N, C-alpha and C. Protein backbone atom coordinates (compact mmCIF):
# COMPACT_ATOMS: atom_id res chain seq x y z
N UNK A 1 0.85 -1.17 0.00
CA UNK A 1 0.00 0.00 0.00
C UNK A 1 0.90 1.24 0.00
N UNK A 2 0.59 2.13 -0.86
CA UNK A 2 1.40 3.35 -0.96
C UNK A 2 1.00 4.33 0.13
N UNK A 3 1.88 5.26 0.38
CA UNK A 3 1.61 6.28 1.40
C UNK A 3 0.40 7.13 1.01
N UNK A 4 0.25 7.40 -0.29
CA UNK A 4 -0.86 8.22 -0.75
C UNK A 4 -2.20 7.50 -0.54
N UNK A 5 -2.25 6.20 -0.85
CA UNK A 5 -3.51 5.48 -0.66
C UNK A 5 -3.83 5.32 0.83
N UNK A 6 -2.76 5.15 1.64
CA UNK A 6 -2.98 5.05 3.09
C UNK A 6 -3.51 6.37 3.64
N UNK A 7 -2.93 7.47 3.20
CA UNK A 7 -3.40 8.79 3.63
C UNK A 7 -4.84 9.03 3.19
N UNK A 8 -5.17 8.59 1.96
CA UNK A 8 -6.55 8.74 1.46
C UNK A 8 -7.52 7.92 2.31
N UNK A 9 -7.12 6.69 2.66
CA UNK A 9 -7.98 5.87 3.51
C UNK A 9 -8.18 6.49 4.89
N UNK A 10 -7.12 7.02 5.47
CA UNK A 10 -7.23 7.67 6.78
C UNK A 10 -8.11 8.92 6.71
N UNK A 11 -7.96 9.70 5.63
CA UNK A 11 -8.80 10.89 5.45
C UNK A 11 -10.27 10.49 5.33
N UNK A 12 -10.51 9.46 4.51
CA UNK A 12 -11.90 8.99 4.31
C UNK A 12 -12.47 8.44 5.61
N UNK A 13 -11.65 7.72 6.37
CA UNK A 13 -12.09 7.19 7.66
C UNK A 13 -12.49 8.33 8.59
N UNK A 14 -11.68 9.37 8.63
CA UNK A 14 -11.99 10.54 9.46
C UNK A 14 -13.30 11.20 9.05
N UNK A 15 -13.52 11.33 7.73
CA UNK A 15 -14.77 11.91 7.24
C UNK A 15 -15.97 11.06 7.67
N UNK A 16 -15.82 9.74 7.54
CA UNK A 16 -16.93 8.85 7.90
C UNK A 16 -17.22 8.89 9.40
N UNK A 17 -16.18 8.97 10.20
CA UNK A 17 -16.39 9.07 11.66
C UNK A 17 -17.10 10.38 12.00
N UNK A 18 -16.69 11.48 11.38
CA UNK A 18 -17.34 12.77 11.62
C UNK A 18 -18.80 12.73 11.18
N UNK A 19 -19.05 12.14 10.02
CA UNK A 19 -20.44 12.03 9.52
C UNK A 19 -21.27 11.17 10.46
N UNK A 20 -20.68 10.10 10.97
CA UNK A 20 -21.39 9.23 11.89
C UNK A 20 -21.76 9.99 13.17
N UNK A 21 -20.83 10.79 13.69
CA UNK A 21 -21.12 11.60 14.89
C UNK A 21 -22.27 12.57 14.61
N UNK A 22 -22.22 13.20 13.44
CA UNK A 22 -23.25 14.17 13.08
C UNK A 22 -24.62 13.49 12.98
N UNK A 23 -24.68 12.36 12.30
CA UNK A 23 -25.95 11.65 12.15
C UNK A 23 -26.47 11.16 13.50
N UNK A 24 -25.57 10.68 14.36
CA UNK A 24 -25.97 10.23 15.68
C UNK A 24 -26.57 11.38 16.49
N UNK A 25 -25.96 12.56 16.40
CA UNK A 25 -26.47 13.73 17.12
C UNK A 25 -27.83 14.14 16.58
N UNK A 26 -27.98 14.16 15.26
CA UNK A 26 -29.27 14.52 14.66
C UNK A 26 -30.35 13.52 15.06
N UNK A 27 -30.01 12.25 15.03
CA UNK A 27 -31.00 11.22 15.39
C UNK A 27 -31.39 11.38 16.86
N UNK A 28 -30.44 11.70 17.70
CA UNK A 28 -30.74 11.93 19.12
C UNK A 28 -31.72 13.07 19.32
N UNK A 29 -31.55 14.14 18.55
CA UNK A 29 -32.48 15.26 18.64
C UNK A 29 -33.86 14.89 18.12
N UNK A 30 -33.90 14.17 17.02
CA UNK A 30 -35.18 13.77 16.44
C UNK A 30 -35.91 12.77 17.32
N UNK A 31 -35.17 11.95 18.04
CA UNK A 31 -35.78 10.92 18.87
C UNK A 31 -36.34 11.46 20.19
N UNK A 32 -36.09 12.72 20.48
CA UNK A 32 -36.60 13.29 21.74
C UNK A 32 -38.12 13.18 21.82
N UNK A 33 -38.80 13.23 20.70
CA UNK A 33 -40.26 13.10 20.69
C UNK A 33 -40.73 11.72 21.12
N UNK A 34 -39.87 10.72 21.00
CA UNK A 34 -40.23 9.36 21.41
C UNK A 34 -40.03 9.12 22.90
N UNK A 35 -39.35 10.02 23.57
CA UNK A 35 -39.00 9.82 24.97
C UNK A 35 -40.22 9.50 25.85
N UNK A 36 -41.33 10.25 25.78
CA UNK A 36 -42.48 9.92 26.64
C UNK A 36 -43.07 8.54 26.33
N UNK A 37 -43.14 8.19 25.06
CA UNK A 37 -43.68 6.88 24.68
C UNK A 37 -42.78 5.76 25.18
N UNK A 38 -41.48 5.94 25.02
CA UNK A 38 -40.55 4.93 25.49
C UNK A 38 -40.56 4.82 27.01
N UNK A 39 -40.79 5.94 27.70
CA UNK A 39 -40.87 5.91 29.16
C UNK A 39 -42.08 5.08 29.60
N UNK A 40 -43.21 5.25 28.91
CA UNK A 40 -44.40 4.45 29.23
C UNK A 40 -44.13 2.98 28.97
N UNK A 41 -43.48 2.68 27.87
CA UNK A 41 -43.15 1.28 27.55
C UNK A 41 -42.21 0.70 28.60
N UNK A 42 -41.25 1.48 29.07
CA UNK A 42 -40.34 1.01 30.11
C UNK A 42 -41.09 0.73 31.41
N UNK A 43 -42.03 1.61 31.76
CA UNK A 43 -42.82 1.38 32.99
C UNK A 43 -43.69 0.15 32.85
N UNK A 44 -44.28 -0.04 31.67
CA UNK A 44 -45.11 -1.23 31.45
C UNK A 44 -44.28 -2.50 31.54
N UNK A 45 -43.09 -2.47 30.96
CA UNK A 45 -42.20 -3.63 31.03
C UNK A 45 -41.79 -3.90 32.47
N UNK A 46 -41.48 -2.85 33.22
CA UNK A 46 -41.11 -3.02 34.62
C UNK A 46 -42.28 -3.59 35.43
N UNK A 47 -43.49 -3.12 35.14
CA UNK A 47 -44.67 -3.64 35.83
C UNK A 47 -44.90 -5.11 35.52
N UNK A 48 -44.74 -5.48 34.27
CA UNK A 48 -44.89 -6.88 33.88
C UNK A 48 -43.83 -7.74 34.55
N UNK A 49 -42.60 -7.23 34.60
CA UNK A 49 -41.53 -7.97 35.26
C UNK A 49 -41.84 -8.14 36.74
N UNK A 50 -42.42 -7.11 37.37
CA UNK A 50 -42.79 -7.21 38.77
C UNK A 50 -43.85 -8.30 38.96
N UNK A 51 -44.84 -8.34 38.06
CA UNK A 51 -45.87 -9.37 38.15
C UNK A 51 -45.27 -10.76 37.99
N UNK A 52 -44.32 -10.90 37.09
CA UNK A 52 -43.66 -12.20 36.90
C UNK A 52 -42.87 -12.58 38.15
N UNK A 53 -42.22 -11.61 38.76
CA UNK A 53 -41.43 -11.87 39.96
C UNK A 53 -42.29 -12.09 41.20
N UNK A 54 -43.51 -11.57 41.21
CA UNK A 54 -44.40 -11.65 42.37
C UNK A 54 -45.78 -12.19 41.97
N UNK A 55 -45.86 -13.43 41.52
CA UNK A 55 -47.14 -13.96 41.03
C UNK A 55 -48.18 -14.13 42.13
N UNK A 56 -47.77 -14.10 43.39
CA UNK A 56 -48.72 -14.30 44.47
C UNK A 56 -49.76 -13.18 44.53
N UNK A 57 -49.39 -11.97 44.13
CA UNK A 57 -50.34 -10.85 44.21
C UNK A 57 -51.47 -10.96 43.19
N UNK A 58 -51.20 -11.15 41.90
CA UNK A 58 -52.34 -11.29 40.98
C UNK A 58 -53.16 -12.55 41.26
N UNK A 59 -52.49 -13.63 41.67
CA UNK A 59 -53.24 -14.85 41.99
C UNK A 59 -54.12 -14.60 43.20
N UNK A 60 -53.57 -13.93 44.20
CA UNK A 60 -54.36 -13.60 45.39
C UNK A 60 -55.54 -12.70 45.06
N UNK A 61 -55.34 -11.74 44.16
CA UNK A 61 -56.44 -10.85 43.76
C UNK A 61 -57.54 -11.64 43.07
N UNK A 62 -57.17 -12.60 42.22
CA UNK A 62 -58.18 -13.42 41.55
C UNK A 62 -58.92 -14.27 42.56
N UNK A 63 -58.21 -14.84 43.52
CA UNK A 63 -58.86 -15.66 44.55
C UNK A 63 -59.85 -14.81 45.35
N UNK A 64 -59.46 -13.60 45.72
CA UNK A 64 -60.37 -12.71 46.47
C UNK A 64 -61.60 -12.41 45.63
N UNK A 65 -61.42 -12.13 44.34
CA UNK A 65 -62.57 -11.85 43.48
C UNK A 65 -63.48 -13.07 43.35
N UNK A 66 -62.90 -14.25 43.24
CA UNK A 66 -63.71 -15.46 43.13
C UNK A 66 -64.51 -15.67 44.41
N UNK A 67 -63.92 -15.37 45.55
CA UNK A 67 -64.62 -15.55 46.83
C UNK A 67 -65.70 -14.49 46.99
N UNK A 68 -65.40 -13.24 46.65
CA UNK A 68 -66.35 -12.15 46.88
C UNK A 68 -67.41 -12.02 45.78
N UNK A 69 -67.04 -12.24 44.55
CA UNK A 69 -67.94 -12.07 43.40
C UNK A 69 -67.83 -13.25 42.45
N UNK A 70 -68.20 -14.44 42.87
CA UNK A 70 -67.99 -15.61 42.00
C UNK A 70 -68.79 -15.55 40.70
N UNK A 71 -70.03 -15.08 40.74
CA UNK A 71 -70.83 -15.02 39.51
C UNK A 71 -70.18 -14.11 38.47
N UNK A 72 -69.76 -12.96 38.93
CA UNK A 72 -69.15 -11.99 38.01
C UNK A 72 -67.86 -12.57 37.41
N UNK A 73 -67.04 -13.19 38.25
CA UNK A 73 -65.78 -13.75 37.76
C UNK A 73 -66.05 -14.84 36.74
N UNK A 74 -67.00 -15.73 37.03
CA UNK A 74 -67.28 -16.82 36.10
C UNK A 74 -67.94 -16.29 34.82
N UNK A 75 -68.72 -15.22 34.92
CA UNK A 75 -69.31 -14.63 33.72
C UNK A 75 -68.21 -14.05 32.83
N UNK A 76 -67.29 -13.32 33.43
CA UNK A 76 -66.18 -12.75 32.66
C UNK A 76 -65.31 -13.86 32.08
N UNK A 77 -65.06 -14.91 32.86
CA UNK A 77 -64.27 -16.03 32.37
C UNK A 77 -64.97 -16.70 31.19
N UNK A 78 -66.29 -16.84 31.27
CA UNK A 78 -67.04 -17.42 30.16
C UNK A 78 -66.97 -16.57 28.92
N UNK A 79 -67.08 -15.27 29.09
CA UNK A 79 -66.95 -14.36 27.94
C UNK A 79 -65.56 -14.45 27.33
N UNK A 80 -64.55 -14.52 28.19
CA UNK A 80 -63.17 -14.63 27.68
C UNK A 80 -63.00 -15.95 26.92
N UNK A 81 -63.57 -17.03 27.44
CA UNK A 81 -63.45 -18.32 26.76
C UNK A 81 -64.18 -18.29 25.42
N UNK A 82 -65.34 -17.66 25.39
CA UNK A 82 -66.08 -17.52 24.12
C UNK A 82 -65.29 -16.69 23.12
N UNK A 83 -64.69 -15.61 23.59
CA UNK A 83 -63.88 -14.76 22.71
C UNK A 83 -62.69 -15.51 22.16
N UNK A 84 -62.09 -16.34 22.99
CA UNK A 84 -60.97 -17.15 22.51
C UNK A 84 -61.43 -18.13 21.44
N UNK A 85 -62.63 -18.71 21.61
CA UNK A 85 -63.16 -19.61 20.60
C UNK A 85 -63.40 -18.91 19.27
N UNK A 86 -63.93 -17.69 19.34
CA UNK A 86 -64.15 -16.90 18.12
C UNK A 86 -62.80 -16.60 17.47
N UNK A 87 -61.82 -16.23 18.27
CA UNK A 87 -60.49 -15.95 17.74
C UNK A 87 -59.92 -17.17 17.02
N UNK A 88 -60.06 -18.34 17.61
CA UNK A 88 -59.54 -19.56 16.98
C UNK A 88 -60.26 -19.86 15.67
N UNK A 89 -61.59 -19.67 15.64
CA UNK A 89 -62.33 -19.93 14.40
C UNK A 89 -61.93 -18.95 13.31
N UNK A 90 -61.80 -17.68 13.66
CA UNK A 90 -61.41 -16.67 12.68
C UNK A 90 -60.00 -16.97 12.17
N UNK A 91 -59.11 -17.34 13.05
CA UNK A 91 -57.74 -17.66 12.64
C UNK A 91 -57.73 -18.86 11.69
N UNK A 92 -58.58 -19.84 11.98
CA UNK A 92 -58.66 -21.03 11.12
C UNK A 92 -59.21 -20.65 9.75
N UNK A 93 -60.25 -19.81 9.72
CA UNK A 93 -60.84 -19.39 8.45
C UNK A 93 -59.84 -18.58 7.64
N UNK A 94 -59.11 -17.71 8.30
CA UNK A 94 -58.12 -16.89 7.60
C UNK A 94 -56.82 -17.65 7.34
N UNK A 95 -56.72 -18.85 7.90
CA UNK A 95 -55.55 -19.71 7.71
C UNK A 95 -54.27 -19.04 8.17
N UNK A 96 -54.35 -18.45 9.36
CA UNK A 96 -53.20 -17.78 9.96
C UNK A 96 -52.45 -18.80 10.81
N UNK A 97 -51.16 -19.01 10.55
CA UNK A 97 -50.42 -19.99 11.35
C UNK A 97 -50.23 -19.49 12.78
N UNK A 98 -50.17 -20.44 13.71
CA UNK A 98 -49.95 -20.09 15.11
C UNK A 98 -48.53 -19.63 15.30
N UNK A 99 -48.36 -18.63 16.14
CA UNK A 99 -47.00 -18.19 16.45
C UNK A 99 -46.50 -18.98 17.63
N UNK A 100 -45.20 -19.18 17.68
CA UNK A 100 -44.61 -19.88 18.83
C UNK A 100 -44.25 -21.20 18.47
């Protein structure tokens, strides 16, 4: 490799690094509008992780509801089961493969 081609490569590398810094800064400014949405998503993810780490609380809440309002719980469960059946039939008609 000649000195001239090496110098050209180093110059080009410097230009690309500077352009990369500039684009990164611009993207950072443009992404500021996403900050509130991403914050909500982070809180939702943290809440879901808390539920996964502490399953006794949602299970306990369901047990309390079943004890205090069994008809309402079973009615909602029946509606959910019916909705799942409709979902399965629609998926079968549309021939959508199962994920997972």
